[in-house]
PDB file of N, CA and C in Angstrom:
ATOM      1  N   MET A   1     -13.314  75.648-139.550  1.00  0.00           N
ATOM      2  CA  MET A   1     -14.097  76.176-140.676  1.00  0.00           C
ATOM      3  C   MET A   1     -14.238  75.085-141.569  1.00  0.00           C
ATOM      4  N   LYS A   2     -13.059  74.849-142.576  1.00  0.00           N
ATOM      5  CA  LYS A   2     -12.947  73.739-143.529  1.00  0.00           C
ATOM      6  C   LYS A   2     -13.966  72.467-142.772  1.00  0.00           C
ATOM      7  N   THR A   3     -13.616  72.018-141.507  1.00  0.00           N
ATOM      8  CA  THR A   3     -14.048  70.983-140.809  1.00  0.00           C
ATOM      9  C   THR A   3     -15.700  70.840-140.679  1.00  0.00           C
ATOM     10  N   ALA A   4     -16.188  72.120-140.806  1.00  0.00           N
ATOM     11  CA  ALA A   4     -17.693  71.965-140.653  1.00  0.00           C
ATOM     12  C   ALA A   4     -18.510  71.886-141.623  1.00  0.00           C
ATOM     13  N   ILE A   5     -17.406  73.010-142.947  1.00  0.00           N
ATOM     14  CA  ILE A   5     -17.946  72.785-143.940  1.00  0.00           C
ATOM     15  C   ILE A   5     -18.152  71.493-144.661  1.00  0.00           C
ATOM     16  N   LEU A   6     -16.866  70.514-144.382  1.00  0.00           N
ATOM     17  CA  LEU A   6     -16.981  69.222-144.972  1.00  0.00           C
ATOM     18  C   LEU A   6     -18.103  68.153-144.189  1.00  0.00           C
ATOM     19  N   ILE A   7     -17.931  68.535-143.403  1.00  0.00           N
ATOM     20  CA  ILE A   7     -19.033  67.495-142.447  1.00  0.00           C
ATOM     21  C   ILE A   7     -20.580  68.047-142.855  1.00  0.00           C
ATOM     22  N   ALA A   8     -20.908  69.126-142.985  1.00  0.00           N
ATOM     23  CA  ALA A   8     -22.151  69.491-144.027  1.00  0.00           C
ATOM     24  C   ALA A   8     -22.250  68.429-145.198  1.00  0.00           C
ATOM     25  N   ILE A   9     -21.326  68.626-145.808  1.00  0.00           N
ATOM     26  CA  ILE A   9     -21.190  68.095-147.411  1.00  0.00           C
ATOM     27  C   ILE A   9     -21.698  66.641-147.046  1.00  0.00           C
ATOM     28  N   ILE A  10     -20.805  66.101-145.988  1.00  0.00           N
ATOM     29  CA  ILE A  10     -20.686  64.531-145.839  1.00  0.00           C
ATOM     30  C   ILE A  10     -22.568  64.556-145.230  1.00  0.00           C
ATOM     31  N   VAL A  11     -22.635  65.181-144.626  1.00  0.00           N
ATOM     32  CA  VAL A  11     -24.050  64.532-144.123  1.00  0.00           C
ATOM     33  C   VAL A  11     -24.900  65.090-145.110  1.00  0.00           C
ATOM     34  N   LEU A  12     -25.005  65.726-146.047  1.00  0.00           N
ATOM     35  CA  LEU A  12     -25.800  66.138-147.304  1.00  0.00           C
ATOM     36  C   LEU A  12     -25.485  64.949-148.133  1.00  0.00           C
ATOM     37  N   ALA A  13     -24.815  64.598-148.344  1.00  0.00           N
ATOM     38  CA  ALA A  13     -24.031  63.695-148.998  1.00  0.00           C
ATOM     39  C   ALA A  13     -24.876  62.249-148.521  1.00  0.00           C
ATOM     40  N   ASP A  14     -24.765  61.895-147.595  1.00  0.00           N
ATOM     41  CA  ASP A  14     -25.271  60.730-146.971  1.00  0.00           C
ATOM     42  C   ASP A  14     -26.713  60.651-147.076  1.00  0.00           C
ATOM     43  N   SER A  15     -27.418  61.748-146.366  1.00  0.00           N
ATOM     44  CA  SER A  15     -28.771  61.756-146.449  1.00  0.00           C
ATOM     45  C   SER A  15     -29.567  61.718-147.797  1.00  0.00           C
ATOM     46  N   VAL A  16     -28.611  62.559-149.005  1.00  0.00           N
ATOM     47  CA  VAL A  16     -29.256  62.434-150.372  1.00  0.00           C
ATOM     48  C   VAL A  16     -29.282  60.856-150.851  1.00  0.00           C
ATOM     49  N   GLY A  17     -28.050  60.261-150.288  1.00  0.00           N
ATOM     50  CA  GLY A  17     -28.042  59.394-150.850  1.00  0.00           C
ATOM     51  C   GLY A  17     -28.712  58.035-150.116  1.00  0.00           C
ATOM     52  N   ASP A  18     -29.053  58.112-149.016  1.00  0.00           N
ATOM     53  CA  ASP A  18     -30.088  57.509-148.575  1.00  0.00           C
ATOM     54  C   ASP A  18     -31.493  57.385-149.140  1.00  0.00           C
ATOM     55  N   VAL A  19     -31.802  58.421-149.399  1.00  0.00           N
ATOM     56  CA  VAL A  19     -33.267  58.996-150.019  1.00  0.00           C
ATOM     57  C   VAL A  19     -33.242  58.451-151.311  1.00  0.00           C
ATOM     58  N   LEU A  20     -32.179  58.388-152.416  1.00  0.00           N
ATOM     59  CA  LEU A  20     -32.301  58.033-153.529  1.00  0.00           C
ATOM     60  C   LEU A  20     -32.169  56.437-153.378  1.00  0.00           C
ATOM     61  N   LEU A  21     -31.300  55.890-152.378  1.00  0.00           N
ATOM     62  CA  LEU A  21     -31.571  54.425-152.356  1.00  0.00           C
ATOM     63  C   LEU A  21     -32.640  54.045-151.774  1.00  0.00           C
ATOM     64  N   THR A  22     -33.699  54.365-150.861  1.00  0.00           N
ATOM     65  CA  THR A  22     -34.571  54.065-150.733  1.00  0.00           C
ATOM     66  C   THR A  22     -35.831  54.241-152.119  1.00  0.00           C
ATOM     67  N   LYS A  23     -35.709  55.303-152.385  1.00  0.00           N
ATOM     68  CA  LYS A  23     -36.800  55.332-153.806  1.00  0.00           C
ATOM     69  C   LYS A  23     -36.510  54.441-154.573  1.00  0.00           C
ATOM     70  N   GLY A  24     -35.031  53.804-154.744  1.00  0.00           N
ATOM     71  CA  GLY A  24     -34.429  52.871-156.126  1.00  0.00           C
ATOM     72  C   GLY A  24     -34.866  51.782-155.679  1.00  0.00           C
ATOM     73  N   MET A  25     -34.835  51.231-153.989  1.00  0.00           N
ATOM     74  CA  MET A  25     -34.986  50.243-153.655  1.00  0.00           C
ATOM     75  C   MET A  25     -36.551  50.162-153.835  1.00  0.00           C
ATOM     76  N   ARG A  26     -37.571  50.984-153.471  1.00  0.00           N
ATOM     77  CA  ARG A  26     -39.179  50.971-153.580  1.00  0.00           C
ATOM     78  C   ARG A  26     -39.343  50.345-154.832  1.00  0.00           C
ATOM     79  N   GLN A  27     -39.175  51.066-156.076  1.00  0.00           N
ATOM     80  CA  GLN A  27     -38.880  50.556-157.420  1.00  0.00           C
ATOM     81  C   GLN A  27     -38.303  49.567-157.820  1.00  0.00           C
ATOM     82  N   VAL A  28     -37.183  49.015-157.324  1.00  0.00           N
ATOM     83  CA  VAL A  28     -36.375  47.590-157.961  1.00  0.00           C
ATOM     84  C   VAL A  28     -37.634  46.652-157.110  1.00  0.00           C
ATOM     85  N   GLY A  29     -38.012  46.614-156.231  1.00  0.00           N
ATOM     86  CA  GLY A  29     -38.956  45.378-155.515  1.00  0.00           C
ATOM     87  C   GLY A  29     -38.322  45.246-154.004  1.00  0.00           C
ATOM     88  N   GLU A  30     -39.405  44.228-153.445  1.00  0.00           N
ATOM     89  CA  GLU A  30     -38.777  44.033-151.597  1.00  0.00           C
ATOM     90  C   GLU A  30     -38.339  42.530-152.153  1.00  0.00           C
ATOM     91  N   VAL A  31     -36.622  42.929-151.274  1.00  0.00           N
ATOM     92  CA  VAL A  31     -36.158  41.572-151.412  1.00  0.00           C
ATOM     93  C   VAL A  31     -36.265  40.782-150.262  1.00  0.00           C
ATOM     94  N   SER A  32     -37.031  39.455-150.566  1.00  0.00           N
ATOM     95  CA  SER A  32     -37.926  38.613-149.712  1.00  0.00           C
ATOM     96  C   SER A  32     -37.675  37.584-149.699  1.00  0.00           C
ATOM     97  N   THR A  33     -36.070  36.952-150.492  1.00  0.00           N
ATOM     98  CA  THR A  33     -35.518  35.997-149.607  1.00  0.00           C
ATOM     99  C   THR A  33     -33.912  36.269-150.120  1.00  0.00           C
ATOM    100  N   PHE A  34     -33.086  35.472-149.833  1.00  0.00           N
ATOM    101  CA  PHE A  34     -31.807  35.735-149.976  1.00  0.00           C
ATOM    102  C   PHE A  34     -31.401  34.638-150.727  1.00  0.00           C
ATOM    103  N   ALA A  35     -32.057  33.785-151.518  1.00  0.00           N
ATOM    104  CA  ALA A  35     -31.231  32.770-152.516  1.00  0.00           C
ATOM    105  C   ALA A  35     -30.832  33.812-153.434  1.00  0.00           C
ATOM    106  N   PRO A  36     -29.464  33.062-153.628  1.00  0.00           N
ATOM    107  CA  PRO A  36     -28.817  33.510-154.602  1.00  0.00           C
ATOM    108  C   PRO A  36     -29.600  33.933-156.254  1.00  0.00           C
ATOM    109  N   ARG A  37     -30.569  33.213-156.705  1.00  0.00           N
ATOM    110  CA  ARG A  37     -30.986  33.397-157.933  1.00  0.00           C
ATOM    111  C   ARG A  37     -31.255  35.167-157.642  1.00  0.00           C
ATOM    112  N   ALA A  38     -32.517  34.984-156.592  1.00  0.00           N
ATOM    113  CA  ALA A  38     -33.159  36.225-156.356  1.00  0.00           C
ATOM    114  C   ALA A  38     -32.542  37.450-156.081  1.00  0.00           C
ATOM    115  N   LEU A  39     -31.318  37.130-155.455  1.00  0.00           N
ATOM    116  CA  LEU A  39     -30.773  38.285-154.870  1.00  0.00           C
ATOM    117  C   LEU A  39     -29.886  38.731-156.400  1.00  0.00           C
ATOM    118  N   LEU A  40     -29.543  37.540-157.058  1.00  0.00           N
ATOM    119  CA  LEU A  40     -29.128  38.385-158.834  1.00  0.00           C
ATOM    120  C   LEU A  40     -29.862  38.842-159.480  1.00  0.00           C
ATOM    121  N   ALA A  41     -31.247  38.489-159.374  1.00  0.00           N
ATOM    122  CA  ALA A  41     -32.129  39.308-160.521  1.00  0.00           C
ATOM    123  C   ALA A  41     -32.765  40.516-159.399  1.00  0.00           C
ATOM    124  N   ILE A  42     -32.513  40.943-158.294  1.00  0.00           N
ATOM    125  CA  ILE A  42     -32.851  42.191-157.845  1.00  0.00           C
ATOM    126  C   ILE A  42     -31.566  43.034-158.054  1.00  0.00           C
ATOM    127  N   ALA A  43     -30.275  42.420-157.976  1.00  0.00           N
ATOM    128  CA  ALA A  43     -29.172  43.114-158.308  1.00  0.00           C
ATOM    129  C   ALA A  43     -29.048  43.649-159.553  1.00  0.00           C
ATOM    130  N   ARG A  44     -29.839  42.813-160.441  1.00  0.00           N
ATOM    131  CA  ARG A  44     -30.240  43.407-162.140  1.00  0.00           C
ATOM    132  C   ARG A  44     -31.068  44.399-162.224  1.00  0.00           C
ATOM    133  N   ARG A  45     -32.070  44.514-161.317  1.00  0.00           N
ATOM    134  CA  ARG A  45     -32.770  45.532-161.662  1.00  0.00           C
ATOM    135  C   ARG A  45     -31.959  46.875-161.262  1.00  0.00           C
ATOM    136  N   ALA A  46     -31.539  46.315-159.866  1.00  0.00           N
ATOM    137  CA  ALA A  46     -31.188  47.761-159.295  1.00  0.00           C
ATOM    138  C   ALA A  46     -30.076  48.563-160.112  1.00  0.00           C
ATOM    139  N   ILE A  47     -29.092  47.999-160.862  1.00  0.00           N
ATOM    140  CA  ILE A  47     -27.982  48.452-161.599  1.00  0.00           C
ATOM    141  C   ILE A  47     -28.778  49.175-162.768  1.00  0.00           C
ATOM    142  N   ARG A  48     -30.221  48.848-163.116  1.00  0.00           N
ATOM    143  CA  ARG A  48     -30.519  49.756-164.366  1.00  0.00           C
ATOM    144  C   ARG A  48     -31.269  50.375-163.620  1.00  0.00           C
ATOM    145  N   ASN A  49     -31.670  50.926-162.342  1.00  0.00           N
ATOM    146  CA  ASN A  49     -32.468  51.874-161.867  1.00  0.00           C
ATOM    147  C   ASN A  49     -31.545  53.418-161.435  1.00  0.00           C
ATOM    148  N   HIS A  50     -32.204  54.211-162.037  1.00  0.00           N
ATOM    149  CA  HIS A  50     -31.236  55.719-161.892  1.00  0.00           C
ATOM    150  C   HIS A  50     -31.320  56.122-160.357  1.00  0.00           C
ATOM    151  N   HIS A  51     -32.332  56.147-159.803  1.00  0.00           N
ATOM    152  CA  HIS A  51     -31.863  56.644-158.521  1.00  0.00           C
ATOM    153  C   HIS A  51     -31.099  55.547-157.700  1.00  0.00           C
ATOM    154  N   PHE A  52     -30.972  54.284-157.769  1.00  0.00           N
ATOM    155  CA  PHE A  52     -29.908  53.777-157.285  1.00  0.00           C
ATOM    156  C   PHE A  52     -28.997  53.752-157.690  1.00  0.00           C
ATOM    157  N   LEU A  53     -28.563  53.977-158.758  1.00  0.00           N
ATOM    158  CA  LEU A  53     -27.270  54.509-159.272  1.00  0.00           C
ATOM    159  C   LEU A  53     -27.016  55.889-158.654  1.00  0.00           C
ATOM    160  N   ALA A  54     -27.622  56.739-158.986  1.00  0.00           N
ATOM    161  CA  ALA A  54     -27.543  58.186-157.902  1.00  0.00           C
ATOM    162  C   ALA A  54     -26.711  57.922-156.436  1.00  0.00           C
ATOM    163  N   SER A  55     -27.703  57.126-156.133  1.00  0.00           N
ATOM    164  CA  SER A  55     -27.669  56.663-154.438  1.00  0.00           C
ATOM    165  C   SER A  55     -25.675  56.366-154.462  1.00  0.00           C
ATOM    166  N   ILE A  56     -25.531  55.519-155.420  1.00  0.00           N
ATOM    167  CA  ILE A  56     -24.129  55.359-155.357  1.00  0.00           C
ATOM    168  C   ILE A  56     -23.048  56.176-155.433  1.00  0.00           C
ATOM    169  N   VAL A  57     -23.432  57.200-156.485  1.00  0.00           N
ATOM    170  CA  VAL A  57     -22.527  58.570-156.420  1.00  0.00           C
ATOM    171  C   VAL A  57     -22.152  59.214-154.646  1.00  0.00           C
ATOM    172  N   PHE A  58     -23.458  59.609-154.737  1.00  0.00           N
ATOM    173  CA  PHE A  58     -23.697  60.254-153.429  1.00  0.00           C
ATOM    174  C   PHE A  58     -23.100  59.539-151.855  1.00  0.00           C
ATOM    175  N   MET A  59     -22.972  58.333-152.020  1.00  0.00           N
ATOM    176  CA  MET A  59     -22.472  57.416-150.987  1.00  0.00           C
ATOM    177  C   MET A  59     -21.449  57.393-151.243  1.00  0.00           C
ATOM    178  N   VAL A  60     -20.635  57.332-152.355  1.00  0.00           N
ATOM    179  CA  VAL A  60     -19.051  57.611-152.490  1.00  0.00           C
ATOM    180  C   VAL A  60     -18.733  58.734-152.327  1.00  0.00           C
ATOM    181  N   ALA A  61     -19.134  59.934-152.350  1.00  0.00           N
ATOM    182  CA  ALA A  61     -19.462  61.206-152.129  1.00  0.00           C
ATOM    183  C   ALA A  61     -19.127  61.471-150.665  1.00  0.00           C
ATOM    184  N   HIS A  62     -19.857  60.860-149.446  1.00  0.00           N
ATOM    185  CA  HIS A  62     -19.989  60.799-148.590  1.00  0.00           C
ATOM    186  C   HIS A  62     -18.474  60.247-147.932  1.00  0.00           C
ATOM    187  N   PHE A  63     -18.089  58.936-148.568  1.00  0.00           N
ATOM    188  CA  PHE A  63     -17.106  58.292-148.030  1.00  0.00           C
ATOM    189  C   PHE A  63     -16.022  58.734-147.815  1.00  0.00           C
ATOM    190  N   VAL A  64     -15.965  59.846-149.456  1.00  0.00           N
ATOM    191  CA  VAL A  64     -14.292  60.027-149.929  1.00  0.00           C
ATOM    192  C   VAL A  64     -14.388  61.224-148.823  1.00  0.00           C
ATOM    193  N   GLY A  65     -15.536  62.112-148.808  1.00  0.00           N
ATOM    194  CA  GLY A  65     -15.308  63.142-147.615  1.00  0.00           C
ATOM    195  C   GLY A  65     -15.333  63.298-145.912  1.00  0.00           C
ATOM    196  N   PHE A  66     -15.557  62.077-146.060  1.00  0.00           N
ATOM    197  CA  PHE A  66     -15.318  61.131-144.465  1.00  0.00           C
ATOM    198  C   PHE A  66     -13.750  61.063-144.181  1.00  0.00           C
ATOM    199  N   LEU A  67     -13.360  59.921-145.267  1.00  0.00           N
ATOM    200  CA  LEU A  67     -11.550  59.913-145.122  1.00  0.00           C
ATOM    201  C   LEU A  67     -11.192  61.278-145.338  1.00  0.00           C
ATOM    202  N   ALA A  68     -11.566  62.689-146.003  1.00  0.00           N
ATOM    203  CA  ALA A  68     -10.762  63.534-145.937  1.00  0.00           C
ATOM    204  C   ALA A  68     -10.624  64.101-144.682  1.00  0.00           C
ATOM    205  N   VAL A  69     -11.918  64.200-143.988  1.00  0.00           N
ATOM    206  CA  VAL A  69     -11.905  65.020-142.602  1.00  0.00           C
ATOM    207  C   VAL A  69     -11.354  64.073-141.642  1.00  0.00           C
ATOM    208  N   LEU A  70     -11.465  62.757-141.637  1.00  0.00           N
ATOM    209  CA  LEU A  70     -10.394  62.350-141.002  1.00  0.00           C
ATOM    210  C   LEU A  70      -9.038  62.361-140.976  1.00  0.00           C
ATOM    211  N   SER A  71      -8.640  62.429-142.044  1.00  0.00           N
ATOM    212  CA  SER A  71      -7.206  63.120-142.046  1.00  0.00           C
ATOM    213  C   SER A  71      -6.601  64.023-141.261  1.00  0.00           C
ATOM    214  N   TRP A  72      -7.690  65.057-140.864  1.00  0.00           N
ATOM    215  CA  TRP A  72      -6.935  66.252-140.145  1.00  0.00           C
ATOM    216  C   TRP A  72      -8.001  66.494-138.983  1.00  0.00           C
ATOM    217  N   ALA A  73      -9.321  65.920-138.585  1.00  0.00           N
ATOM    218  CA  ALA A  73     -10.255  65.983-137.576  1.00  0.00           C
ATOM    219  C   ALA A  73     -10.465  64.831-136.857  1.00  0.00           C
ATOM    220  N   ASP A  74     -10.353  65.148-135.522  1.00  0.00           N
ATOM    221  CA  ASP A  74     -10.407  63.971-134.064  1.00  0.00           C
ATOM    222  C   ASP A  74     -11.897  63.738-134.582  1.00  0.00           C
ATOM    223  N   LEU A  75     -12.036  61.716-134.727  1.00  0.00           N
ATOM    224  CA  LEU A  75     -13.010  61.223-134.945  1.00  0.00           C
ATOM    225  C   LEU A  75     -14.209  61.836-133.672  1.00  0.00           C
ATOM    226  N   SER A  76     -13.797  62.112-132.453  1.00  0.00           N
ATOM    227  CA  SER A  76     -14.664  62.306-131.631  1.00  0.00           C
ATOM    228  C   SER A  76     -15.447  63.446-131.962  1.00  0.00           C
ATOM    229  N   VAL A  77     -15.327  64.643-132.636  1.00  0.00           N
ATOM    230  CA  VAL A  77     -15.911  65.424-132.988  1.00  0.00           C
ATOM    231  C   VAL A  77     -16.679  65.562-134.261  1.00  0.00           C
ATOM    232  N   VAL A  78     -16.125  64.580-135.215  1.00  0.00           N
ATOM    233  CA  VAL A  78     -16.391  64.182-136.648  1.00  0.00           C
ATOM    234  C   VAL A  78     -17.408  63.263-136.483  1.00  0.00           C
ATOM    235  N   PHE A  79     -17.437  62.390-135.834  1.00  0.00           N
ATOM    236  CA  PHE A  79     -18.540  61.689-135.674  1.00  0.00           C
ATOM    237  C   PHE A  79     -19.896  61.878-135.290  1.00  0.00           C
ATOM    238  N   PRO A  80     -19.907  61.992-133.915  1.00  0.00           N
ATOM    239  CA  PRO A  80     -21.492  63.033-133.796  1.00  0.00           C
ATOM    240  C   PRO A  80     -21.975  63.983-134.225  1.00  0.00           C
ATOM    241  N   ALA A  81     -20.886  64.888-135.015  1.00  0.00           N
ATOM    242  CA  ALA A  81     -21.637  65.717-135.824  1.00  0.00           C
ATOM    243  C   ALA A  81     -22.438  65.022-136.811  1.00  0.00           C
ATOM    244  N   THR A  82     -21.637  63.879-137.853  1.00  0.00           N
ATOM    245  CA  THR A  82     -22.199  62.929-138.966  1.00  0.00           C
ATOM    246  C   THR A  82     -23.647  62.427-138.767  1.00  0.00           C
ATOM    247  N   THR A  83     -24.152  62.280-137.161  1.00  0.00           N
ATOM    248  CA  THR A  83     -25.186  61.519-137.003  1.00  0.00           C
ATOM    249  C   THR A  83     -25.915  62.441-137.151  1.00  0.00           C
ATOM    250  N   LEU A  84     -26.081  63.790-137.616  1.00  0.00           N
ATOM    251  CA  LEU A  84     -27.312  64.908-137.636  1.00  0.00           C
ATOM    252  C   LEU A  84     -27.810  64.441-139.288  1.00  0.00           C
ATOM    253  N   VAL A  85     -27.357  63.103-139.688  1.00  0.00           N
ATOM    254  CA  VAL A  85     -28.158  62.249-140.804  1.00  0.00           C
ATOM    255  C   VAL A  85     -29.143  61.769-140.545  1.00  0.00           C
ATOM    256  N   TYR A  86     -29.299  61.245-138.999  1.00  0.00           N
ATOM    257  CA  TYR A  86     -30.347  60.601-138.787  1.00  0.00           C
ATOM    258  C   TYR A  86     -31.751  62.110-138.582  1.00  0.00           C
ATOM    259  N   VAL A  87     -31.390  62.883-138.448  1.00  0.00           N
ATOM    260  CA  VAL A  87     -32.171  64.321-138.410  1.00  0.00           C
ATOM    261  C   VAL A  87     -32.636  64.604-139.609  1.00  0.00           C
ATOM    262  N   ILE A  88     -31.826  64.789-140.722  1.00  0.00           N
ATOM    263  CA  ILE A  88     -31.994  65.086-141.908  1.00  0.00           C
ATOM    264  C   ILE A  88     -32.882  63.872-142.700  1.00  0.00           C
ATOM    265  N   GLY A  89     -32.229  62.932-142.337  1.00  0.00           N
ATOM    266  CA  GLY A  89     -32.778  61.131-142.480  1.00  0.00           C
ATOM    267  C   GLY A  89     -34.758  61.275-142.436  1.00  0.00           C
ATOM    268  N   THR A  90     -34.645  61.580-141.554  1.00  0.00           N
ATOM    269  CA  THR A  90     -36.452  61.855-140.701  1.00  0.00           C
ATOM    270  C   THR A  90     -37.087  62.549-141.265  1.00  0.00           C
ATOM    271  N   LEU A  91     -36.335  63.683-141.430  1.00  0.00           N
ATOM    272  CA  LEU A  91     -37.059  65.092-142.228  1.00  0.00           C
ATOM    273  C   LEU A  91     -37.578  64.690-143.540  1.00  0.00           C
ATOM    274  N   ALA A  92     -36.431  64.018-144.036  1.00  0.00           N
ATOM    275  CA  ALA A  92     -36.454  63.360-145.730  1.00  0.00           C
ATOM    276  C   ALA A  92     -37.676  62.354-145.614  1.00  0.00           C
ATOM    277  N   ALA A  93     -37.664  61.799-144.462  1.00  0.00           N
ATOM    278  CA  ALA A  93     -38.557  60.433-145.041  1.00  0.00           C
ATOM    279  C   ALA A  93     -40.286  60.991-144.721  1.00  0.00           C
ATOM    280  N   LYS A  94     -40.236  62.189-144.131  1.00  0.00           N
ATOM    281  CA  LYS A  94     -41.359  62.713-143.926  1.00  0.00           C
ATOM    282  C   LYS A  94     -42.232  63.657-145.432  1.00  0.00           C
ATOM    283  N   PHE A  95     -41.447  64.340-145.533  1.00  0.00           N
ATOM    284  CA  PHE A  95     -41.698  64.995-146.625  1.00  0.00           C
ATOM    285  C   PHE A  95     -41.410  64.447-148.202  1.00  0.00           C
ATOM    286  N   ILE A  96     -40.105  64.155-148.283  1.00  0.00           N
ATOM    287  CA  ILE A  96     -39.984  63.432-149.443  1.00  0.00           C
ATOM    288  C   ILE A  96     -40.323  62.120-149.625  1.00  0.00           C
ATOM    289  N   LEU A  97     -40.322  61.419-148.736  1.00  0.00           N
ATOM    290  CA  LEU A  97     -40.926  60.208-149.028  1.00  0.00           C
ATOM    291  C   LEU A  97     -42.289  59.657-148.483  1.00  0.00           C
ATOM    292  N   GLN A  98     -42.809  60.642-147.817  1.00  0.00           N
ATOM    293  CA  GLN A  98     -44.012  60.446-147.133  1.00  0.00           C
ATOM    294  C   GLN A  98     -44.337  59.672-146.813  1.00  0.00           C
ATOM    295  N   GLU A  99     -43.266  58.803-145.429  1.00  0.00           N
ATOM    296  CA  GLU A  99     -43.311  58.264-144.488  1.00  0.00           C
ATOM    297  C   GLU A  99     -44.604  58.746-143.332  1.00  0.00           C
ATOM    298  N   THR A 100     -44.864  58.006-142.574  1.00  0.00           N
ATOM    299  CA  THR A 100     -45.490  58.319-141.171  1.00  0.00           C
ATOM    300  C   THR A 100     -44.427  58.199-139.965  1.00  0.00           C
ATOM    301  N   ILE A 101     -44.331  59.534-139.493  1.00  0.00           N
ATOM    302  CA  ILE A 101     -43.281  59.008-138.035  1.00  0.00           C
ATOM    303  C   ILE A 101     -44.415  59.487-137.177  1.00  0.00           C
ATOM    304  N   SER A 102     -43.432  58.425-136.089  1.00  0.00           N
ATOM    305  CA  SER A 102     -44.381  58.277-134.921  1.00  0.00           C
ATOM    306  C   SER A 102     -43.885  59.343-134.040  1.00  0.00           C
ATOM    307  N   THR A 103     -44.423  59.670-132.999  1.00  0.00           N
ATOM    308  CA  THR A 103     -44.180  60.566-132.133  1.00  0.00           C
ATOM    309  C   THR A 103     -42.887  59.905-131.338  1.00  0.00           C
ATOM    310  N   HIS A 104     -42.915  59.119-131.252  1.00  0.00           N
ATOM    311  CA  HIS A 104     -41.538  58.208-130.534  1.00  0.00           C
ATOM    312  C   HIS A 104     -40.447  58.665-131.530  1.00  0.00           C
ATOM    313  N   ARG A 105     -40.528  58.221-132.925  1.00  0.00           N
ATOM    314  CA  ARG A 105     -39.099  58.898-133.673  1.00  0.00           C
ATOM    315  C   ARG A 105     -38.986  60.120-133.396  1.00  0.00           C
ATOM    316  N   TRP A 106     -39.888  61.185-133.750  1.00  0.00           N
ATOM    317  CA  TRP A 106     -39.640  62.642-133.630  1.00  0.00           C
ATOM    318  C   TRP A 106     -38.840  62.618-132.426  1.00  0.00           C
ATOM    319  N   ALA A 107     -39.393  62.065-131.095  1.00  0.00           N
ATOM    320  CA  ALA A 107     -38.693  62.568-129.578  1.00  0.00           C
ATOM    321  C   ALA A 107     -37.218  62.133-130.121  1.00  0.00           C
ATOM    322  N   GLY A 108     -36.922  60.836-130.645  1.00  0.00           N
ATOM    323  CA  GLY A 108     -35.644  60.118-130.716  1.00  0.00           C
ATOM    324  C   GLY A 108     -34.942  61.023-131.456  1.00  0.00           C
ATOM    325  N   THR A 109     -35.906  61.630-132.708  1.00  0.00           N
ATOM    326  CA  THR A 109     -34.444  62.390-133.090  1.00  0.00           C
ATOM    327  C   THR A 109     -34.260  64.131-132.646  1.00  0.00           C
ATOM    328  N   MET A 110     -35.251  64.091-131.770  1.00  0.00           N
ATOM    329  CA  MET A 110     -34.575  65.533-130.966  1.00  0.00           C
ATOM    330  C   MET A 110     -33.970  65.065-130.097  1.00  0.00           C
ATOM    331  N   LEU A 111     -33.575  64.213-129.373  1.00  0.00           N
ATOM    332  CA  LEU A 111     -32.635  63.802-128.770  1.00  0.00           C
ATOM    333  C   LEU A 111     -31.314  63.296-129.310  1.00  0.00           C
ATOM    334  N   VAL A 112     -31.273  62.509-130.442  1.00  0.00           N
ATOM    335  CA  VAL A 112     -29.891  63.010-131.425  1.00  0.00           C
ATOM    336  C   VAL A 112     -29.488  64.519-131.475  1.00  0.00           C
ATOM    337  N   CYS A 113     -30.250  65.771-131.588  1.00  0.00           N
ATOM    338  CA  CYS A 113     -29.907  66.681-131.774  1.00  0.00           C
ATOM    339  C   CYS A 113     -29.221  67.210-130.431  1.00  0.00           C
ATOM    340  N   LEU A 114     -30.064  66.812-129.302  1.00  0.00           N
ATOM    341  CA  LEU A 114     -29.444  67.246-127.993  1.00  0.00           C
ATOM    342  C   LEU A 114     -28.334  66.471-127.809  1.00  0.00           C
ATOM    343  N   GLY A 115     -27.957  65.131-128.175  1.00  0.00           N
ATOM    344  CA  GLY A 115     -26.392  64.504-128.008  1.00  0.00           C
ATOM    345  C   GLY A 115     -25.541  65.105-128.869  1.00  0.00           C
ATOM    346  N   VAL A 116     -26.018  65.443-129.946  1.00  0.00           N
ATOM    347  CA  VAL A 116     -24.905  66.348-130.916  1.00  0.00           C
ATOM    348  C   VAL A 116     -24.781  67.435-130.268  1.00  0.00           C
ATOM    349  N   GLY A 117     -25.549  68.217-130.131  1.00  0.00           N
ATOM    350  CA  GLY A 117     -25.042  69.513-129.235  1.00  0.00           C
ATOM    351  C   GLY A 117     -24.270  69.288-127.980  1.00  0.00           C
ATOM    352  N   LEU A 118     -24.480  68.400-127.347  1.00  0.00           N
ATOM    353  CA  LEU A 118     -23.992  68.040-126.061  1.00  0.00           C
ATOM    354  C   LEU A 118     -22.265  67.944-126.307  1.00  0.00           C
ATOM    355  N   VAL A 119     -22.328  67.071-127.186  1.00  0.00           N
ATOM    356  CA  VAL A 119     -20.857  66.455-127.915  1.00  0.00           C
ATOM    357  C   VAL A 119     -20.029  67.158-128.575  1.00  0.00           C
ATOM    358  N   SER A 120     -20.940  68.550-128.791  1.00  0.00           N
ATOM    359  CA  SER A 120     -20.093  69.753-129.402  1.00  0.00           C
ATOM    360  C   SER A 120     -19.533  70.667-128.651  1.00  0.00           C
ATOM    361  N   LEU A 121     -19.909  70.345-127.685  1.00  0.00           N
ATOM    362  CA  LEU A 121     -19.432  71.713-126.696  1.00  0.00           C
ATOM    363  C   LEU A 121     -17.622  71.372-125.927  1.00  0.00           C
ATOM    364  N   PRO A 122     -17.187  72.456-125.976  1.00  0.00           N
ATOM    365  CA  PRO A 122     -15.766  72.463-125.755  1.00  0.00           C
ATOM    366  C   PRO A 122     -15.699  71.761-124.629  1.00  0.00           C
TER     367      PRO A 122
END
């Protein structure tokens, strides 16, 4: 039971972190070059963006939770379950970020669900 609860927290933290990071980077601006000065300018803007900073908090929570659950559970159980991030991420992209999701992406998301279900069988 504790594994399932922590996996749910991990998936939620990762999904929220991804949404916040996306929102933050859309506000910060496009990374159009990898020139050191341009990257430094992007980094300066990013560390002043509250969505970006909040995303780091959620991503750290995800990582710490992942470390914890791996200390007692098998990777072959944990890793497939955490791929539910793809499902939540697609839903968040559609309903929070207002992205257009193609039929192929929805189908892929459903295949992820099916795969997680199959891997979860005893």
